[in-house]
Amino acid sequence: MVSSKHAFWQALLVTIALFLIGLFLGMAIEGSRLNTIEDFYAESEISLMDILALNELITTGNYSCQDMIHSNLLFADRIYEEAIILEDFENAGQLTDDFKLAHKRYDLLRTFLLINSEKTRELCKGNFNVVVYFYEQETEDLAQRATQNVWSKVLFDLKQKKGADVILIPIAANGGLHSVDSVVSQYDIKRFPVIIINGQVIDELKSVEELEDYLI
């Protein structure tokens, strides 16, 4: 009987030890991933400031549409690729709310990009396409989640096909950002997911070929 109790306590201690080791290891991995995201974000923030500084030249008339479009495209591609990495990290599981904060910060960057891209497109007479994808993060609606997965795949394929002709900007609409809420309200959007191509709202799932009809 004593031996049985002793074995029980040993097994319990081993289980607790393994749990704590797994917990600390998971936190260490998550911390490393967050550091990676923080480094990406810092560089993206610098890129955004660079674009805004470039756009200040508009007020003096010393600007180049080619330079402005190129800078917007580079920035859009950069934060889109980083968004994919962030999504992979989130899907791997998270122990803290830090990834949610990182996601919100990226949504703010994307909103800046949206506003700046629309200004550039208007100024440069529509030499490129702005495709904005509004979705709900961590939705519990399974049908909506499935639709969003399909939309993400379609838009990824569209971007791969059209390349530099398309600035693709995915933004979570339920992150509590006033700037995002304002854009959603401006277009009178009532449900998600939805995309906006060059100012035109599309709320029905379409193929890559159908979306191409909305591009310039």
N, C-alpha and C. Protein backbone atom coordinates (compact mmCIF):
# COMPACT_ATOMS: atom_id res chain seq x y z
N MET A 1 0.83 -1.21 0.00
CA MET A 1 0.00 0.00 0.00
C MET A 1 0.86 1.25 0.00
N VAL A 2 1.89 1.25 0.83
CA VAL A 2 2.80 2.40 0.92
C VAL A 2 3.51 2.59 -0.40
N SER A 3 3.92 1.45 -0.99
CA SER A 3 4.62 1.51 -2.28
C SER A 3 3.72 2.07 -3.36
N SER A 4 2.45 1.71 -3.33
CA SER A 4 1.48 2.20 -4.32
C SER A 4 1.31 3.71 -4.21
N LYS A 5 1.21 4.22 -2.96
CA LYS A 5 1.09 5.66 -2.76
C LYS A 5 2.34 6.39 -3.22
N HIS A 6 3.48 5.78 -2.93
CA HIS A 6 4.75 6.38 -3.32
C HIS A 6 4.83 6.50 -4.85
N ALA A 7 4.40 5.44 -5.54
CA ALA A 7 4.41 5.45 -7.01
C ALA A 7 3.45 6.50 -7.54
N PHE A 8 2.30 6.65 -6.86
CA PHE A 8 1.32 7.66 -7.29
C PHE A 8 1.89 9.07 -7.21
N TRP A 9 2.51 9.38 -6.06
CA TRP A 9 3.09 10.72 -5.89
C TRP A 9 4.24 10.96 -6.86
N GLN A 10 5.02 9.94 -7.13
CA GLN A 10 6.10 10.08 -8.11
C GLN A 10 5.53 10.40 -9.49
N ALA A 11 4.50 9.66 -9.87
CA ALA A 11 3.88 9.88 -11.17
C ALA A 11 3.27 11.29 -11.25
N LEU A 12 2.65 11.73 -10.14
CA LEU A 12 2.05 13.06 -10.11
C LEU A 12 3.10 14.14 -10.26
N LEU A 13 4.22 14.00 -9.54
CA LEU A 13 5.29 14.98 -9.62
C LEU A 13 5.90 15.03 -11.02
N VAL A 14 6.07 13.85 -11.62
CA VAL A 14 6.61 13.81 -12.99
C VAL A 14 5.65 14.50 -13.96
N THR A 15 4.34 14.25 -13.79
CA THR A 15 3.34 14.87 -14.66
C THR A 15 3.36 16.39 -14.52
N ILE A 16 3.42 16.87 -13.28
CA ILE A 16 3.47 18.32 -13.03
C ILE A 16 4.73 18.92 -13.64
N ALA A 17 5.86 18.21 -13.45
CA ALA A 17 7.13 18.70 -13.99
C ALA A 17 7.08 18.80 -15.51
N LEU A 18 6.54 17.77 -16.15
CA LEU A 18 6.43 17.78 -17.61
C LEU A 18 5.50 18.88 -18.09
N PHE A 19 4.41 19.09 -17.34
CA PHE A 19 3.47 20.16 -17.70
C PHE A 19 4.14 21.52 -17.62
N LEU A 20 4.89 21.76 -16.53
CA LEU A 20 5.57 23.05 -16.37
C LEU A 20 6.64 23.25 -17.43
N ILE A 21 7.38 22.18 -17.74
CA ILE A 21 8.40 22.29 -18.78
C ILE A 21 7.76 22.63 -20.13
N GLY A 22 6.64 21.95 -20.43
CA GLY A 22 5.92 22.22 -21.68
C GLY A 22 5.39 23.65 -21.72
N LEU A 23 4.87 24.11 -20.56
CA LEU A 23 4.34 25.47 -20.49
C LEU A 23 5.43 26.50 -20.72
N PHE A 24 6.55 26.35 -20.02
CA PHE A 24 7.65 27.30 -20.17
C PHE A 24 8.25 27.24 -21.57
N LEU A 25 8.33 26.03 -22.14
CA LEU A 25 8.84 25.90 -23.50
C LEU A 25 7.91 26.59 -24.49
N GLY A 26 6.60 26.40 -24.29
CA GLY A 26 5.63 27.06 -25.16
C GLY A 26 5.72 28.58 -25.07
N MET A 27 5.88 29.08 -23.85
CA MET A 27 6.01 30.53 -23.66
C MET A 27 7.28 31.05 -24.31
N ALA A 28 8.36 30.25 -24.23
CA ALA A 28 9.63 30.66 -24.84
C ALA A 28 9.50 30.74 -26.36
N ILE A 29 8.83 29.72 -26.93
CA ILE A 29 8.62 29.72 -28.39
C ILE A 29 7.75 30.89 -28.80
N GLU A 30 6.68 31.14 -28.03
CA GLU A 30 5.79 32.25 -28.34
C GLU A 30 6.52 33.58 -28.22
N GLY A 31 7.38 33.68 -27.20
CA GLY A 31 8.17 34.90 -27.04
C GLY A 31 9.08 35.14 -28.22
N SER A 32 9.68 34.06 -28.73
CA SER A 32 10.55 34.18 -29.90
C SER A 32 9.77 34.62 -31.12
N ARG A 33 8.56 34.06 -31.28
CA ARG A 33 7.72 34.45 -32.41
C ARG A 33 7.30 35.91 -32.30
N LEU A 34 6.96 36.34 -31.08
CA LEU A 34 6.57 37.73 -30.88
C LEU A 34 7.73 38.68 -31.19
N ASN A 35 8.93 38.27 -30.82
CA ASN A 35 10.11 39.09 -31.13
C ASN A 35 10.28 39.24 -32.64
N THR A 36 10.02 38.14 -33.36
CA THR A 36 10.10 38.19 -34.82
C THR A 36 9.08 39.16 -35.38
N ILE A 37 7.84 39.07 -34.88
CA ILE A 37 6.78 39.97 -35.33
C ILE A 37 7.11 41.42 -34.98
N GLU A 38 7.66 41.65 -33.79
CA GLU A 38 8.03 43.00 -33.38
C GLU A 38 9.08 43.59 -34.30
N ASP A 39 10.06 42.76 -34.70
CA ASP A 39 11.10 43.23 -35.62
C ASP A 39 10.49 43.58 -36.98
N PHE A 40 9.58 42.71 -37.45
CA PHE A 40 8.91 42.99 -38.73
C PHE A 40 8.12 44.30 -38.63
N TYR A 41 7.40 44.46 -37.52
CA TYR A 41 6.54 45.63 -37.36
C TYR A 41 7.37 46.92 -37.35
N ALA A 42 8.50 46.88 -36.64
CA ALA A 42 9.36 48.07 -36.56
C ALA A 42 9.83 48.48 -37.95
N GLU A 43 10.22 47.51 -38.76
CA GLU A 43 10.68 47.81 -40.11
C GLU A 43 9.53 48.31 -40.98
N SER A 44 8.34 47.72 -40.81
CA SER A 44 7.18 48.16 -41.57
C SER A 44 6.76 49.57 -41.18
N GLU A 45 6.88 49.88 -39.91
CA GLU A 45 6.55 51.22 -39.43
C GLU A 45 7.47 52.26 -40.05
N ILE A 46 8.74 51.91 -40.15
CA ILE A 46 9.70 52.81 -40.79
C ILE A 46 9.34 53.00 -42.26
N SER A 47 8.95 51.90 -42.92
CA SER A 47 8.56 51.98 -44.33
C SER A 47 7.34 52.90 -44.50
N LEU A 48 6.39 52.79 -43.56
CA LEU A 48 5.21 53.65 -43.63
C LEU A 48 5.59 55.11 -43.47
N MET A 49 6.45 55.40 -42.51
CA MET A 49 6.89 56.78 -42.31
C MET A 49 7.60 57.32 -43.55
N ASP A 50 8.33 56.43 -44.22
CA ASP A 50 9.02 56.82 -45.44
C ASP A 50 8.02 57.19 -46.52
N ILE A 51 6.95 56.40 -46.64
CA ILE A 51 5.92 56.69 -47.64
C ILE A 51 5.22 58.01 -47.33
N LEU A 52 4.89 58.22 -46.06
CA LEU A 52 4.21 59.45 -45.66
C LEU A 52 5.09 60.67 -45.92
N ALA A 53 6.39 60.50 -45.67
CA ALA A 53 7.33 61.60 -45.95
C ALA A 53 7.38 61.88 -47.45
N LEU A 54 7.38 60.79 -48.25
CA LEU A 54 7.37 60.96 -49.69
C LEU A 54 6.12 61.68 -50.15
N ASN A 55 4.99 61.36 -49.55
CA ASN A 55 3.74 61.98 -49.95
C ASN A 55 3.65 63.46 -49.57
N GLU A 56 4.45 63.86 -48.58
CA GLU A 56 4.47 65.27 -48.21
C GLU A 56 4.99 66.13 -49.35
N LEU A 57 5.73 65.49 -50.27
CA LEU A 57 6.23 66.22 -51.44
C LEU A 57 5.09 66.66 -52.35
N ILE A 58 3.92 66.04 -52.17
CA ILE A 58 2.77 66.41 -52.99
C ILE A 58 2.44 67.89 -52.80
N THR A 59 2.56 68.35 -51.56
CA THR A 59 2.20 69.73 -51.25
C THR A 59 3.09 70.73 -51.97
N THR A 60 4.29 70.30 -52.36
CA THR A 60 5.20 71.21 -53.07
C THR A 60 5.13 71.00 -54.58
N GLY A 61 4.39 69.94 -54.99
CA GLY A 61 4.31 69.65 -56.41
C GLY A 61 5.47 68.84 -56.94
N ASN A 62 6.43 68.52 -56.04
CA ASN A 62 7.61 67.75 -56.46
C ASN A 62 7.40 66.27 -56.15
N TYR A 63 6.63 65.61 -56.97
CA TYR A 63 6.37 64.20 -56.72
C TYR A 63 6.38 63.43 -58.04
N SER A 64 6.56 62.15 -57.93
CA SER A 64 6.55 61.27 -59.09
C SER A 64 5.54 60.17 -58.84
N CYS A 65 4.55 60.05 -59.72
CA CYS A 65 3.54 59.00 -59.58
C CYS A 65 4.20 57.63 -59.56
N GLN A 66 5.21 57.46 -60.38
CA GLN A 66 5.89 56.17 -60.44
C GLN A 66 6.51 55.81 -59.09
N ASP A 67 7.15 56.80 -58.45
CA ASP A 67 7.76 56.56 -57.14
C ASP A 67 6.71 56.28 -56.08
N MET A 68 5.61 57.03 -56.10
CA MET A 68 4.57 56.87 -55.10
C MET A 68 3.88 55.51 -55.23
N ILE A 69 3.57 55.12 -56.47
CA ILE A 69 2.92 53.82 -56.68
C ILE A 69 3.86 52.70 -56.28
N HIS A 70 5.12 52.83 -56.67
CA HIS A 70 6.11 51.79 -56.35
C HIS A 70 6.26 51.62 -54.85
N SER A 71 6.32 52.74 -54.11
CA SER A 71 6.49 52.66 -52.66
C SER A 71 5.28 52.03 -51.99
N ASN A 72 4.07 52.36 -52.47
CA ASN A 72 2.85 51.76 -51.93
C ASN A 72 2.80 50.26 -52.20
N LEU A 73 3.20 49.86 -53.40
CA LEU A 73 3.20 48.44 -53.75
C LEU A 73 4.19 47.65 -52.90
N LEU A 74 5.39 48.21 -52.72
CA LEU A 74 6.40 47.52 -51.91
C LEU A 74 5.92 47.37 -50.47
N PHE A 75 5.33 48.44 -49.93
CA PHE A 75 4.85 48.40 -48.55
C PHE A 75 3.70 47.42 -48.40
N ALA A 76 2.78 47.43 -49.37
CA ALA A 76 1.63 46.51 -49.33
C ALA A 76 2.09 45.07 -49.37
N ASP A 77 3.03 44.76 -50.26
CA ASP A 77 3.53 43.39 -50.36
C ASP A 77 4.24 42.98 -49.08
N ARG A 78 4.95 43.92 -48.48
CA ARG A 78 5.70 43.62 -47.27
C ARG A 78 4.77 43.23 -46.13
N ILE A 79 3.78 44.06 -45.85
CA ILE A 79 2.92 43.77 -44.70
C ILE A 79 1.95 42.63 -45.01
N TYR A 80 1.69 42.36 -46.29
CA TYR A 80 0.87 41.21 -46.63
C TYR A 80 1.62 39.92 -46.33
N GLU A 81 2.90 39.87 -46.71
CA GLU A 81 3.72 38.69 -46.42
C GLU A 81 3.89 38.49 -44.91
N GLU A 82 4.06 39.60 -44.19
CA GLU A 82 4.20 39.51 -42.74
C GLU A 82 2.89 39.07 -42.09
N ALA A 83 1.77 39.47 -42.69
CA ALA A 83 0.46 39.06 -42.17
C ALA A 83 0.30 37.54 -42.27
N ILE A 84 0.82 36.95 -43.34
CA ILE A 84 0.75 35.49 -43.51
C ILE A 84 1.55 34.80 -42.41
N ILE A 85 2.73 35.36 -42.11
CA ILE A 85 3.56 34.80 -41.04
C ILE A 85 2.85 34.93 -39.70
N LEU A 86 2.26 36.09 -39.45
CA LEU A 86 1.53 36.32 -38.20
C LEU A 86 0.37 35.35 -38.07
N GLU A 87 -0.34 35.12 -39.17
CA GLU A 87 -1.47 34.18 -39.14
C GLU A 87 -1.00 32.76 -38.84
N ASP A 88 0.14 32.37 -39.42
CA ASP A 88 0.70 31.04 -39.14
C ASP A 88 1.04 30.90 -37.65
N PHE A 89 1.61 31.96 -37.07
CA PHE A 89 1.95 31.94 -35.65
C PHE A 89 0.69 31.82 -34.80
N GLU A 90 -0.35 32.56 -35.19
CA GLU A 90 -1.60 32.54 -34.44
C GLU A 90 -2.26 31.16 -34.52
N ASN A 91 -2.22 30.56 -35.70
CA ASN A 91 -2.83 29.24 -35.88
C ASN A 91 -2.08 28.16 -35.13
N ALA A 92 -0.80 28.41 -34.83
CA ALA A 92 0.00 27.44 -34.09
C ALA A 92 -0.40 27.41 -32.61
N GLY A 93 -1.24 28.38 -32.21
CA GLY A 93 -1.68 28.44 -30.80
C GLY A 93 -0.96 29.54 -30.07
N GLN A 94 -1.68 30.21 -29.17
CA GLN A 94 -1.09 31.30 -28.43
C GLN A 94 -1.46 31.20 -26.95
N LEU A 95 -0.51 31.56 -26.10
CA LEU A 95 -0.72 31.47 -24.66
C LEU A 95 -1.07 32.83 -24.05
N THR A 96 -0.83 33.90 -24.78
CA THR A 96 -1.09 35.25 -24.27
C THR A 96 -1.91 36.02 -25.30
N ASP A 97 -2.29 37.25 -24.94
CA ASP A 97 -3.04 38.12 -25.84
C ASP A 97 -2.13 38.99 -26.69
N ASP A 98 -0.82 38.77 -26.61
CA ASP A 98 0.12 39.63 -27.32
C ASP A 98 -0.05 39.55 -28.83
N PHE A 99 -0.42 38.37 -29.34
CA PHE A 99 -0.61 38.24 -30.78
C PHE A 99 -1.83 39.04 -31.25
N LYS A 100 -2.85 39.12 -30.40
CA LYS A 100 -4.02 39.92 -30.76
C LYS A 100 -3.64 41.39 -30.87
N LEU A 101 -2.79 41.84 -29.96
CA LEU A 101 -2.31 43.22 -30.02
C LEU A 101 -1.48 43.46 -31.27
N ALA A 102 -0.62 42.49 -31.60
CA ALA A 102 0.22 42.60 -32.80
C ALA A 102 -0.67 42.67 -34.04
N HIS A 103 -1.72 41.85 -34.06
CA HIS A 103 -2.64 41.85 -35.19
C HIS A 103 -3.32 43.21 -35.33
N LYS A 104 -3.72 43.79 -34.23
CA LYS A 104 -4.39 45.08 -34.26
C LYS A 104 -3.43 46.17 -34.77
N ARG A 105 -2.20 46.10 -34.37
CA ARG A 105 -1.21 47.09 -34.83
C ARG A 105 -1.00 46.98 -36.34
N TYR A 106 -1.00 45.74 -36.85
CA TYR A 106 -0.87 45.56 -38.29
C TYR A 106 -2.12 46.04 -39.02
N ASP A 107 -3.29 45.85 -38.43
CA ASP A 107 -4.51 46.36 -39.05
C ASP A 107 -4.47 47.88 -39.15
N LEU A 108 -3.87 48.53 -38.17
CA LEU A 108 -3.73 49.98 -38.21
C LEU A 108 -2.79 50.39 -39.34
N LEU A 109 -1.68 49.66 -39.49
CA LEU A 109 -0.76 49.94 -40.60
C LEU A 109 -1.48 49.77 -41.94
N ARG A 110 -2.27 48.72 -42.06
CA ARG A 110 -2.99 48.46 -43.31
C ARG A 110 -4.01 49.55 -43.60
N THR A 111 -4.62 50.09 -42.54
CA THR A 111 -5.58 51.17 -42.74
C THR A 111 -4.88 52.42 -43.24
N PHE A 112 -3.70 52.71 -42.69
CA PHE A 112 -2.88 53.81 -43.21
C PHE A 112 -2.58 53.58 -44.69
N LEU A 113 -2.21 52.33 -45.01
CA LEU A 113 -1.89 51.99 -46.39
C LEU A 113 -3.10 52.20 -47.29
N LEU A 114 -4.28 51.79 -46.83
CA LEU A 114 -5.51 51.96 -47.61
C LEU A 114 -5.75 53.43 -47.92
N ILE A 115 -5.70 54.26 -46.89
CA ILE A 115 -5.95 55.69 -47.08
C ILE A 115 -4.93 56.30 -48.04
N ASN A 116 -3.65 55.94 -47.85
CA ASN A 116 -2.59 56.49 -48.68
C ASN A 116 -2.70 55.99 -50.13
N SER A 117 -3.06 54.71 -50.29
CA SER A 117 -3.18 54.14 -51.63
C SER A 117 -4.32 54.78 -52.41
N GLU A 118 -5.43 55.05 -51.71
CA GLU A 118 -6.56 55.70 -52.37
C GLU A 118 -6.19 57.11 -52.82
N LYS A 119 -5.44 57.83 -51.98
CA LYS A 119 -5.00 59.17 -52.35
C LYS A 119 -4.07 59.11 -53.56
N THR A 120 -3.15 58.15 -53.52
CA THR A 120 -2.20 58.01 -54.63
C THR A 120 -2.92 57.62 -55.91
N ARG A 121 -3.89 56.72 -55.79
CA ARG A 121 -4.63 56.28 -56.97
C ARG A 121 -5.41 57.44 -57.59
N GLU A 122 -6.01 58.27 -56.74
CA GLU A 122 -6.75 59.43 -57.24
C GLU A 122 -5.81 60.43 -57.90
N LEU A 123 -4.67 60.65 -57.28
CA LEU A 123 -3.72 61.63 -57.80
C LEU A 123 -3.09 61.16 -59.11
N CYS A 124 -2.82 59.85 -59.17
CA CYS A 124 -2.10 59.30 -60.33
C CYS A 124 -3.05 58.68 -61.35
N LYS A 125 -4.33 59.03 -61.28
CA LYS A 125 -5.31 58.65 -62.29
C LYS A 125 -5.50 57.14 -62.44
N GLY A 126 -5.48 56.42 -61.32
CA GLY A 126 -5.83 55.02 -61.33
C GLY A 126 -4.91 54.11 -62.11
N ASN A 127 -3.62 54.22 -61.89
CA ASN A 127 -2.67 53.37 -62.60
C ASN A 127 -2.46 52.01 -61.94
N PHE A 128 -3.19 51.74 -60.86
CA PHE A 128 -3.09 50.45 -60.18
C PHE A 128 -4.42 50.18 -59.47
N ASN A 129 -4.57 48.96 -58.96
CA ASN A 129 -5.82 48.57 -58.31
C ASN A 129 -5.64 48.41 -56.80
N VAL A 130 -6.61 48.92 -56.06
CA VAL A 130 -6.62 48.76 -54.60
C VAL A 130 -7.74 47.78 -54.24
N VAL A 131 -7.33 46.64 -53.68
CA VAL A 131 -8.29 45.60 -53.29
C VAL A 131 -8.23 45.45 -51.77
N VAL A 132 -9.31 45.79 -51.11
CA VAL A 132 -9.37 45.73 -49.65
C VAL A 132 -10.29 44.58 -49.24
N TYR A 133 -9.82 43.78 -48.31
CA TYR A 133 -10.58 42.62 -47.85
C TYR A 133 -10.89 42.80 -46.36
N PHE A 134 -12.16 43.03 -46.05
CA PHE A 134 -12.60 43.15 -44.66
C PHE A 134 -13.17 41.81 -44.20
N TYR A 135 -12.72 41.35 -43.06
CA TYR A 135 -13.19 40.08 -42.51
C TYR A 135 -13.28 40.20 -40.99
N GLU A 136 -13.87 39.21 -40.35
CA GLU A 136 -13.97 39.20 -38.90
C GLU A 136 -12.99 38.18 -38.33
N GLN A 137 -12.13 38.66 -37.47
CA GLN A 137 -11.14 37.78 -36.86
C GLN A 137 -11.77 36.93 -35.76
N GLU A 138 -11.40 35.65 -35.71
CA GLU A 138 -11.85 34.72 -34.68
C GLU A 138 -13.37 34.64 -34.59
N THR A 139 -14.03 34.67 -35.73
CA THR A 139 -15.48 34.52 -35.73
C THR A 139 -15.87 33.11 -35.31
N GLU A 140 -16.97 32.99 -34.59
CA GLU A 140 -17.46 31.68 -34.15
C GLU A 140 -18.47 31.09 -35.13
N ASP A 141 -18.84 31.88 -36.14
CA ASP A 141 -19.78 31.43 -37.16
C ASP A 141 -19.02 30.54 -38.15
N LEU A 142 -19.31 29.23 -38.13
CA LEU A 142 -18.58 28.28 -38.96
C LEU A 142 -18.76 28.55 -40.45
N ALA A 143 -19.97 28.93 -40.84
CA ALA A 143 -20.23 29.22 -42.25
C ALA A 143 -19.43 30.45 -42.70
N GLN A 144 -19.40 31.47 -41.84
CA GLN A 144 -18.65 32.67 -42.16
C GLN A 144 -17.15 32.37 -42.22
N ARG A 145 -16.69 31.54 -41.28
CA ARG A 145 -15.27 31.17 -41.26
C ARG A 145 -14.89 30.43 -42.55
N ALA A 146 -15.77 29.54 -43.01
CA ALA A 146 -15.49 28.80 -44.24
C ALA A 146 -15.46 29.75 -45.44
N THR A 147 -16.40 30.69 -45.47
CA THR A 147 -16.44 31.67 -46.56
C THR A 147 -15.18 32.52 -46.57
N GLN A 148 -14.74 32.92 -45.39
CA GLN A 148 -13.52 33.73 -45.29
C GLN A 148 -12.30 32.95 -45.75
N ASN A 149 -12.26 31.68 -45.46
CA ASN A 149 -11.14 30.85 -45.92
C ASN A 149 -11.10 30.79 -47.45
N VAL A 150 -12.29 30.66 -48.06
CA VAL A 150 -12.35 30.61 -49.52
C VAL A 150 -11.95 31.96 -50.11
N TRP A 151 -12.47 33.06 -49.52
CA TRP A 151 -12.14 34.40 -50.00
C TRP A 151 -10.63 34.63 -49.93
N SER A 152 -10.02 34.21 -48.83
CA SER A 152 -8.57 34.41 -48.66
C SER A 152 -7.81 33.70 -49.77
N LYS A 153 -8.24 32.49 -50.09
CA LYS A 153 -7.58 31.73 -51.15
C LYS A 153 -7.76 32.40 -52.51
N VAL A 154 -8.98 32.85 -52.80
CA VAL A 154 -9.26 33.51 -54.08
C VAL A 154 -8.43 34.79 -54.22
N LEU A 155 -8.37 35.58 -53.16
CA LEU A 155 -7.61 36.83 -53.21
C LEU A 155 -6.11 36.58 -53.31
N PHE A 156 -5.65 35.54 -52.64
CA PHE A 156 -4.24 35.17 -52.76
C PHE A 156 -3.92 34.80 -54.21
N ASP A 157 -4.80 34.03 -54.84
CA ASP A 157 -4.59 33.64 -56.24
C ASP A 157 -4.65 34.86 -57.16
N LEU A 158 -5.56 35.80 -56.85
CA LEU A 158 -5.66 37.03 -57.65
C LEU A 158 -4.36 37.83 -57.57
N LYS A 159 -3.85 37.95 -56.36
CA LYS A 159 -2.59 38.70 -56.16
C LYS A 159 -1.45 38.00 -56.88
N GLN A 160 -1.39 36.69 -56.79
CA GLN A 160 -0.32 35.94 -57.46
C GLN A 160 -0.40 36.13 -58.98
N LYS A 161 -1.62 36.21 -59.49
CA LYS A 161 -1.81 36.33 -60.93
C LYS A 161 -1.53 37.74 -61.44
N LYS A 162 -1.98 38.74 -60.70
CA LYS A 162 -1.87 40.13 -61.17
C LYS A 162 -0.62 40.84 -60.66
N GLY A 163 -0.02 40.33 -59.59
CA GLY A 163 1.23 40.88 -59.10
C GLY A 163 1.16 42.36 -58.75
N ALA A 164 2.06 43.15 -59.37
CA ALA A 164 2.19 44.57 -59.03
C ALA A 164 1.00 45.40 -59.48
N ASP A 165 0.08 44.83 -60.23
CA ASP A 165 -1.11 45.58 -60.65
C ASP A 165 -2.13 45.70 -59.53
N VAL A 166 -1.93 44.95 -58.44
CA VAL A 166 -2.91 44.92 -57.35
C VAL A 166 -2.23 45.17 -56.02
N ILE A 167 -2.78 46.12 -55.26
CA ILE A 167 -2.42 46.30 -53.85
C ILE A 167 -3.50 45.60 -53.04
N LEU A 168 -3.14 44.50 -52.38
CA LEU A 168 -4.10 43.71 -51.61
C LEU A 168 -3.94 44.04 -50.12
N ILE A 169 -5.05 44.48 -49.51
CA ILE A 169 -5.01 44.94 -48.12
C ILE A 169 -6.07 44.21 -47.29
N PRO A 170 -5.71 43.15 -46.58
CA PRO A 170 -6.66 42.48 -45.68
C PRO A 170 -6.71 43.19 -44.32
N ILE A 171 -7.92 43.45 -43.83
CA ILE A 171 -8.08 44.15 -42.55
C ILE A 171 -9.18 43.47 -41.73
N ALA A 172 -8.88 43.16 -40.46
CA ALA A 172 -9.90 42.64 -39.56
C ALA A 172 -10.84 43.78 -39.17
N ALA A 173 -12.14 43.58 -39.40
CA ALA A 173 -13.11 44.65 -39.19
C ALA A 173 -13.59 44.74 -37.75
N ASN A 174 -13.26 43.74 -36.93
CA ASN A 174 -13.77 43.72 -35.56
C ASN A 174 -12.65 43.89 -34.52
N GLY A 175 -11.64 44.67 -34.89
CA GLY A 175 -10.52 44.88 -33.97
C GLY A 175 -10.69 46.07 -33.04
N GLY A 176 -11.81 46.79 -33.17
CA GLY A 176 -12.06 47.93 -32.29
C GLY A 176 -11.29 49.19 -32.66
N LEU A 177 -10.85 49.29 -33.93
CA LEU A 177 -10.13 50.48 -34.38
C LEU A 177 -11.12 51.47 -34.99
N HIS A 178 -11.09 52.69 -34.51
CA HIS A 178 -12.05 53.70 -34.98
C HIS A 178 -11.85 54.02 -36.46
N SER A 179 -10.60 54.01 -36.90
CA SER A 179 -10.32 54.31 -38.31
C SER A 179 -10.94 53.25 -39.21
N VAL A 180 -10.84 51.99 -38.80
CA VAL A 180 -11.44 50.89 -39.57
C VAL A 180 -12.97 51.01 -39.55
N ASP A 181 -13.53 51.29 -38.37
CA ASP A 181 -14.99 51.47 -38.26
C ASP A 181 -15.48 52.59 -39.18
N SER A 182 -14.67 53.63 -39.28
CA SER A 182 -15.05 54.77 -40.11
C SER A 182 -15.08 54.39 -41.59
N VAL A 183 -14.09 53.62 -42.03
CA VAL A 183 -14.06 53.17 -43.43
C VAL A 183 -15.25 52.25 -43.71
N VAL A 184 -15.53 51.33 -42.79
CA VAL A 184 -16.66 50.40 -42.95
C VAL A 184 -17.97 51.19 -43.04
N SER A 185 -18.10 52.19 -42.19
CA SER A 185 -19.31 53.02 -42.19
C SER A 185 -19.42 53.83 -43.48
N GLN A 186 -18.28 54.30 -43.95
CA GLN A 186 -18.27 55.10 -45.19
C GLN A 186 -18.83 54.32 -46.37
N TYR A 187 -18.54 53.04 -46.42
CA TYR A 187 -19.02 52.20 -47.52
C TYR A 187 -20.33 51.49 -47.17
N ASP A 188 -20.90 51.81 -46.00
CA ASP A 188 -22.18 51.26 -45.56
C ASP A 188 -22.17 49.73 -45.58
N ILE A 189 -21.10 49.15 -45.06
CA ILE A 189 -20.95 47.70 -45.01
C ILE A 189 -21.67 47.16 -43.78
N LYS A 190 -22.53 46.16 -43.99
CA LYS A 190 -23.34 45.61 -42.91
C LYS A 190 -22.94 44.20 -42.52
N ARG A 191 -22.24 43.49 -43.40
CA ARG A 191 -21.87 42.11 -43.09
C ARG A 191 -20.50 41.80 -43.68
N PHE A 192 -19.91 40.74 -43.14
CA PHE A 192 -18.57 40.34 -43.56
C PHE A 192 -18.56 38.83 -43.86
N PRO A 193 -17.64 38.40 -44.70
CA PRO A 193 -16.56 39.15 -45.35
C PRO A 193 -17.06 39.95 -46.54
N VAL A 194 -16.27 40.95 -46.92
CA VAL A 194 -16.59 41.79 -48.06
C VAL A 194 -15.29 42.33 -48.62
N ILE A 195 -15.27 42.57 -49.92
CA ILE A 195 -14.09 43.20 -50.50
C ILE A 195 -14.50 44.48 -51.22
N ILE A 196 -13.55 45.39 -51.33
CA ILE A 196 -13.75 46.64 -52.05
C ILE A 196 -12.66 46.73 -53.10
N ILE A 197 -13.05 46.79 -54.36
CA ILE A 197 -12.09 46.92 -55.44
C ILE A 197 -12.26 48.28 -56.10
N ASN A 198 -11.25 49.11 -55.93
CA ASN A 198 -11.28 50.46 -56.51
C ASN A 198 -12.56 51.21 -56.14
N GLY A 199 -12.96 51.05 -54.88
CA GLY A 199 -14.12 51.76 -54.36
C GLY A 199 -15.44 51.06 -54.55
N GLN A 200 -15.45 49.91 -55.23
CA GLN A 200 -16.70 49.17 -55.47
C GLN A 200 -16.82 48.00 -54.52
N VAL A 201 -17.92 47.96 -53.77
CA VAL A 201 -18.14 46.92 -52.76
C VAL A 201 -18.66 45.64 -53.41
N ILE A 202 -18.03 44.51 -53.03
CA ILE A 202 -18.44 43.19 -53.52
C ILE A 202 -18.64 42.29 -52.31
N ASP A 203 -19.89 41.85 -52.09
CA ASP A 203 -20.18 41.05 -50.90
C ASP A 203 -20.60 39.62 -51.23
N GLU A 204 -20.49 39.24 -52.50
CA GLU A 204 -20.79 37.87 -52.91
C GLU A 204 -19.53 37.20 -53.40
N LEU A 205 -19.34 35.94 -53.00
CA LEU A 205 -18.15 35.19 -53.35
C LEU A 205 -18.02 35.06 -54.87
N LYS A 206 -16.84 35.38 -55.39
CA LYS A 206 -16.60 35.32 -56.82
C LYS A 206 -15.28 34.62 -57.11
N SER A 207 -15.10 34.22 -58.35
CA SER A 207 -13.86 33.57 -58.77
C SER A 207 -12.82 34.63 -59.11
N VAL A 208 -11.59 34.19 -59.30
CA VAL A 208 -10.52 35.10 -59.70
C VAL A 208 -10.88 35.79 -61.02
N GLU A 209 -11.40 35.01 -61.95
CA GLU A 209 -11.74 35.55 -63.27
C GLU A 209 -12.85 36.61 -63.15
N GLU A 210 -13.81 36.38 -62.28
CA GLU A 210 -14.89 37.36 -62.10
C GLU A 210 -14.37 38.64 -61.46
N LEU A 211 -13.43 38.50 -60.52
CA LEU A 211 -12.87 39.68 -59.87
C LEU A 211 -12.04 40.50 -60.84
N GLU A 212 -11.44 39.84 -61.80
CA GLU A 212 -10.63 40.57 -62.79
C GLU A 212 -11.45 41.58 -63.57
N ASP A 213 -12.75 41.34 -63.69
CA ASP A 213 -13.61 42.27 -64.41
C ASP A 213 -13.71 43.63 -63.72
N TYR A 214 -13.40 43.66 -62.42
CA TYR A 214 -13.48 44.91 -61.66
C TYR A 214 -12.16 45.69 -61.67
N LEU A 215 -11.13 45.08 -62.22
CA LEU A 215 -9.81 45.73 -62.24
C LEU A 215 -9.67 46.62 -63.46
N ILE A 216 -8.79 47.58 -63.36
CA ILE A 216 -8.55 48.47 -64.49
C ILE A 216 -7.47 47.88 -65.39
